[in-house]
């Protein structure tokens, strides 16, 4: 009887761990090419170019040959944390913040996509979080503002306050959405590092550490995004960018080797 009781208690103790175990993603992106790029934050892609993003340093590479074509190095005090970039309307548009400093200050920095000359800044101010990515979709600007539990956090906000914001052409806030618990559980205590609207019209997000893509859509009601699927990938989170010239091709980085990765993502039919 005593042995049976001990066994029953052991099973009860193991039950919560089993219930909280997360299954591996059923679908996975395939890495099809690597670029020796020295990237630490993220990657971007244009029709003929690949970009590595590393805080105050951006490098452009020839997509076919991998040869270095241009480099920009900014003032570390002015550009401490350029996190991601995307080629939008013949410009390289980048999300920049003062992470891990607080209070959070966010800007959008715009560069010439060929020479990488800095063209202008858009200041998004304080109060929402640290901007991690910017995209253009459906006639509007979209940006994700990260919040953290520890390093780089600004109490009382934590990872649960990570916010997707929709802006008009003058960068006036129109709407905003929170993340669902199924994603928050995966990214804590950090936040969303990368994202962008995919060729299938869905929003794809990446965290800070896990090799996963979260497939999202705007909800039909309420203020929390719908989590449709999770796709595995080699990139351990960080900033990502869709190659609009090659449907389904997503660029990211691996921090193990600091390579830029070209990954073929299985899109929903």
Protein backbone atom coordinates (compact mmCIF):
# COMPACT_ATOMS: atom_id res chain seq x y z
CA UNK A 1 0.00 0.00 0.00
CA UNK A 2 2.78 2.43 0.90
CA UNK A 3 4.62 1.68 -2.34
CA UNK A 4 1.42 2.24 -4.35
CA UNK A 5 0.86 5.57 -2.59
CA UNK A 6 4.40 6.71 -3.34
CA UNK A 7 3.99 5.73 -7.00
CA UNK A 8 0.69 7.65 -7.24
CA UNK A 9 2.27 10.77 -5.74
CA UNK A 10 5.16 10.51 -8.19
CA UNK A 11 2.77 10.37 -11.13
CA UNK A 12 0.92 13.44 -9.84
CA UNK A 13 4.19 15.32 -9.54
CA UNK A 14 5.10 14.47 -13.13
CA UNK A 15 1.69 15.43 -14.56
CA UNK A 16 2.15 19.22 -14.67
CA UNK A 17 5.43 18.85 -16.56
CA UNK A 18 3.74 16.63 -19.11
CA UNK A 19 0.84 19.05 -19.51
CA UNK A 20 3.14 22.04 -20.12
CA UNK A 21 5.41 20.26 -22.63
CA UNK A 22 5.27 21.99 -26.03
CA UNK A 23 5.06 19.80 -29.13
CA UNK A 24 7.59 20.38 -31.90
CA UNK A 25 6.23 22.35 -34.88
CA UNK A 26 4.68 20.03 -37.47
CA UNK A 27 6.06 22.07 -40.37
CA UNK A 28 9.56 23.46 -40.80
CA UNK A 29 11.29 25.95 -43.09
CA UNK A 30 14.14 24.56 -45.20
CA UNK A 31 17.47 26.41 -45.19
CA UNK A 32 18.58 26.62 -48.83
CA UNK A 33 21.57 28.98 -48.63
CA UNK A 34 23.95 30.60 -46.17
CA UNK A 35 25.88 33.86 -46.35
CA UNK A 36 29.00 34.58 -44.29
CA UNK A 37 27.73 37.96 -43.13
CA UNK A 38 28.72 38.56 -39.51
CA UNK A 39 25.13 39.45 -38.61
CA UNK A 40 24.09 39.82 -34.97
CA UNK A 41 20.52 41.17 -35.14
CA UNK A 42 18.84 40.25 -38.39
CA UNK A 43 18.74 40.07 -42.17
CA UNK A 44 16.93 41.76 -45.03
CA UNK A 45 16.52 40.97 -48.72
CA UNK A 46 16.01 42.93 -51.91
CA UNK A 47 15.65 41.76 -55.51
CA UNK A 48 19.42 41.42 -55.98
CA UNK A 49 20.83 41.98 -52.50
CA UNK A 50 21.03 40.56 -49.01
CA UNK A 51 21.65 42.73 -45.95
CA UNK A 52 23.10 41.90 -42.55
CA UNK A 53 21.95 44.04 -39.61
CA UNK A 54 24.15 44.42 -36.53
CA UNK A 55 23.07 47.34 -34.35
CA UNK A 56 24.99 50.33 -35.75
CA UNK A 57 26.37 48.39 -38.75
CA UNK A 58 24.58 47.39 -41.98
CA UNK A 59 26.26 45.50 -44.82
CA UNK A 60 24.92 44.82 -48.34
CA UNK A 61 25.90 41.62 -50.17
CA UNK A 62 25.28 40.47 -53.71
CA UNK A 63 22.55 37.85 -53.48
CA UNK A 64 24.02 35.60 -56.17
CA UNK A 65 27.73 35.73 -55.37
CA UNK A 66 27.68 36.67 -51.68
CA UNK A 67 30.25 39.39 -52.36
CA UNK A 68 30.22 42.46 -50.14
CA UNK A 69 28.96 45.55 -52.01
CA UNK A 70 28.48 48.31 -49.43
CA UNK A 71 28.73 48.98 -45.70
CA UNK A 72 27.38 51.61 -43.31
CA UNK A 73 28.65 52.15 -39.78
CA UNK A 74 26.80 54.67 -37.65
CA UNK A 75 27.45 56.54 -34.43
CA UNK A 76 27.02 54.02 -31.59
CA UNK A 77 25.54 56.69 -29.34
CA UNK A 78 22.93 57.71 -31.93
CA UNK A 79 22.18 54.24 -33.32
CA UNK A 80 22.76 51.80 -30.43
CA UNK A 81 20.30 49.15 -31.61
CA UNK A 82 19.15 48.95 -35.22
CA UNK A 83 17.31 45.66 -34.94
CA UNK A 84 15.85 44.96 -38.39
CA UNK A 85 15.50 46.30 -41.91
CA UNK A 86 13.27 45.73 -44.94
CA UNK A 87 13.38 46.98 -48.53
CA UNK A 88 10.19 49.00 -48.95
CA UNK A 89 9.40 51.24 -51.94
CA UNK A 90 13.04 51.36 -53.09
CA UNK A 91 14.31 52.31 -49.63
CA UNK A 92 15.87 50.31 -46.81
CA UNK A 93 13.59 50.94 -43.84
CA UNK A 94 14.93 49.96 -40.43
CA UNK A 95 13.58 49.68 -36.89
CA UNK A 96 15.85 51.29 -34.31
CA UNK A 97 15.72 51.81 -30.56
CA UNK A 98 17.88 52.57 -27.54
CA UNK A 99 17.62 48.98 -26.21
CA UNK A 100 18.62 47.96 -23.55
CA UNK A 101 18.42 51.50 -22.18
CA UNK A 102 15.25 52.92 -20.65
CA UNK A 103 12.95 54.72 -21.00
CA UNK A 104 12.33 53.15 -24.40
CA UNK A 105 12.90 55.44 -27.39
CA UNK A 106 12.06 54.19 -30.90
CA UNK A 107 12.78 55.50 -34.39
CA UNK A 108 12.50 54.43 -38.01
CA UNK A 109 15.76 54.94 -39.91
CA UNK A 110 15.71 55.10 -43.70
CA UNK A 111 18.71 54.32 -45.95
CA UNK A 112 19.53 54.21 -49.63
CA UNK A 113 19.35 50.45 -50.43
CA UNK A 114 22.38 50.59 -52.73
CA UNK A 115 24.88 52.99 -51.14
CA UNK A 116 23.47 52.56 -47.60
CA UNK A 117 23.64 56.34 -47.12
CA UNK A 118 21.40 57.43 -44.25
CA UNK A 119 18.49 59.49 -45.62
CA UNK A 120 16.14 60.40 -42.75
CA UNK A 121 14.64 59.43 -39.41
CA UNK A 122 11.09 59.16 -38.09
CA UNK A 123 10.88 59.49 -34.31
CA UNK A 124 8.17 57.33 -32.72
CA UNK A 125 8.83 58.65 -29.22
CA UNK A 126 8.30 56.94 -25.90
CA UNK A 127 5.65 54.95 -24.08
CA UNK A 128 4.92 51.81 -26.14
CA UNK A 129 8.13 49.79 -26.01
CA UNK A 130 11.21 49.23 -28.17
CA UNK A 131 10.39 48.95 -31.87
CA UNK A 132 11.84 45.75 -33.35
CA UNK A 133 10.47 45.63 -36.91
CA UNK A 134 8.62 47.78 -39.42
CA UNK A 135 6.67 46.73 -42.53
CA UNK A 136 4.32 48.17 -45.13
CA UNK A 137 1.05 46.33 -45.77
CA UNK A 138 -2.45 47.10 -46.99
CA UNK A 139 -1.75 50.83 -47.39
CA UNK A 140 -0.41 51.31 -43.86
CA UNK A 141 2.74 51.10 -41.77
CA UNK A 142 3.01 48.34 -39.17
CA UNK A 143 5.46 48.05 -36.29
CA UNK A 144 6.03 45.77 -33.32
CA UNK A 145 7.00 47.23 -29.97
CA UNK A 146 8.83 44.83 -27.68
CA UNK A 147 8.66 44.79 -23.90
CA UNK A 148 10.79 42.64 -21.60
CA UNK A 149 10.74 41.18 -18.10
CA UNK A 150 14.37 41.86 -17.18
CA UNK A 151 17.17 43.38 -19.27
CA UNK A 152 15.80 46.25 -21.32
CA UNK A 153 12.46 46.14 -19.52
CA UNK A 154 10.56 49.21 -18.39
CA UNK A 155 8.33 48.32 -15.40
CA UNK A 156 5.45 47.95 -14.93
CA UNK A 157 5.41 46.70 -18.54
CA UNK A 158 6.72 43.19 -19.23
CA UNK A 159 6.69 40.76 -22.17
CA UNK A 160 2.88 40.64 -22.07
CA UNK A 161 2.79 44.28 -23.18
CA UNK A 162 4.45 43.54 -26.54
CA UNK A 163 2.25 45.37 -29.05
CA UNK A 164 1.56 45.41 -32.80
CA UNK A 165 0.69 48.93 -33.96
CA UNK A 166 -0.82 50.09 -37.26
CA UNK A 167 0.10 53.61 -38.43
CA UNK A 168 -1.06 55.84 -41.27
CA UNK A 169 1.29 57.49 -43.77
CA UNK A 170 2.09 60.26 -41.26
CA UNK A 171 2.93 57.68 -38.57
CA UNK A 172 -0.18 58.46 -36.56
CA UNK A 173 -1.35 55.50 -34.50
CA UNK A 174 -4.54 53.93 -35.85
CA UNK A 175 -4.97 50.57 -34.09
CA UNK A 176 -3.03 48.16 -31.91
CA UNK A 177 -3.15 44.50 -30.91
CA UNK A 178 -1.75 42.30 -28.14
CA UNK A 179 -0.26 38.81 -28.44
CA UNK A 180 -2.15 35.69 -27.37
CA UNK A 181 -1.03 33.56 -24.43
CA UNK A 182 0.13 30.77 -26.77
CA UNK A 183 2.84 33.07 -28.15
CA UNK A 184 3.61 34.92 -24.93
CA UNK A 185 4.40 31.63 -23.24
CA UNK A 186 7.00 30.87 -25.92
CA UNK A 187 8.80 34.22 -25.96
CA UNK A 188 8.97 35.06 -22.24
CA UNK A 189 10.92 36.64 -20.60
CA UNK A 190 11.96 38.31 -23.86
CA UNK A 191 9.75 39.54 -26.69
CA UNK A 192 9.15 39.57 -30.45
CA UNK A 193 12.36 40.35 -32.36
CA UNK A 194 11.26 39.96 -35.97
CA UNK A 195 8.19 40.00 -38.14
CA UNK A 196 6.51 40.93 -41.36
CA UNK A 197 3.50 40.27 -43.56
CA UNK A 198 3.97 37.14 -45.65
CA UNK A 199 3.05 36.56 -49.29
CA UNK A 200 -0.06 34.68 -48.12
CA UNK A 201 -1.40 37.75 -46.29
CA UNK A 202 -0.61 36.37 -42.85
CA UNK A 203 1.66 37.94 -40.26
CA UNK A 204 4.80 35.99 -39.36
CA UNK A 205 6.59 36.70 -36.07
CA UNK A 206 9.84 35.48 -34.54
CA UNK A 207 10.96 35.63 -30.93
CA UNK A 208 14.34 36.28 -29.41
CA UNK A 209 15.68 32.75 -28.88
CA UNK A 210 13.54 29.87 -30.16
CA UNK A 211 13.84 28.55 -33.75
CA UNK A 212 10.18 29.19 -34.50
CA UNK A 213 7.88 31.30 -36.67
CA UNK A 214 4.46 32.23 -35.30
CA UNK A 215 1.80 32.52 -37.99
CA UNK A 216 -0.75 35.16 -37.02
CA UNK A 217 -3.73 37.03 -38.36
CA UNK A 218 -5.79 40.01 -37.25
CA UNK A 219 -8.80 38.93 -35.20
CA UNK A 220 -12.38 39.27 -36.40
CA UNK A 221 -13.15 40.82 -33.03
CA UNK A 222 -11.29 41.87 -29.89
CA UNK A 223 -7.77 43.19 -29.52
CA UNK A 224 -5.65 40.00 -29.43
CA UNK A 225 -4.01 38.52 -32.54
CA UNK A 226 -5.06 35.04 -33.66
CA UNK A 227 -2.28 32.41 -33.52
CA UNK A 228 -2.82 30.07 -36.47
CA UNK A 229 0.30 27.93 -36.56
CA UNK A 230 3.94 27.58 -35.51
CA UNK A 231 6.62 26.72 -38.07
CA UNK A 232 10.10 25.53 -37.17
CA UNK A 233 13.20 27.13 -38.71
CA UNK A 234 16.96 27.09 -38.26
CA UNK A 235 17.18 30.75 -37.23
CA UNK A 236 17.01 31.09 -33.45
CA UNK A 237 14.50 33.93 -33.51
CA UNK A 238 15.86 37.43 -34.21
CA UNK A 239 14.86 39.72 -37.08
CA UNK A 240 13.53 38.26 -40.33
CA UNK A 241 12.51 39.59 -43.75
CA UNK A 242 10.55 38.20 -46.69
CA UNK A 243 12.13 38.27 -50.14
CA UNK A 244 9.33 39.78 -52.21
CA UNK A 245 11.07 38.71 -55.43
CA UNK A 246 10.95 35.02 -54.44
CA UNK A 247 7.62 33.89 -52.97
CA UNK A 248 8.02 31.96 -49.74
CA UNK A 249 11.69 32.82 -49.23
CA UNK A 250 12.45 34.21 -45.79
CA UNK A 251 15.79 35.59 -44.60
CA UNK A 252 17.04 35.38 -41.02
CA UNK A 253 20.25 34.73 -39.12
CA UNK A 254 21.83 32.12 -36.89
CA UNK A 255 23.72 33.55 -33.96
CA UNK A 256 25.89 30.43 -33.71
CA UNK A 257 27.86 31.37 -36.83
CA UNK A 258 26.41 34.87 -37.50
CA UNK A 259 25.43 33.71 -40.99
CA UNK A 260 22.47 35.05 -42.93
CA UNK A 261 20.10 32.22 -43.83
CA UNK A 262 17.80 31.94 -46.84
CA UNK A 263 14.90 29.72 -45.77
CA UNK A 264 12.02 28.33 -47.82
CA UNK A 265 8.85 28.55 -45.73
CA UNK A 266 5.91 26.18 -46.32
CA UNK A 267 3.02 28.55 -46.86
CA UNK A 268 -0.60 27.69 -46.16
CA UNK A 269 -2.53 26.59 -49.24
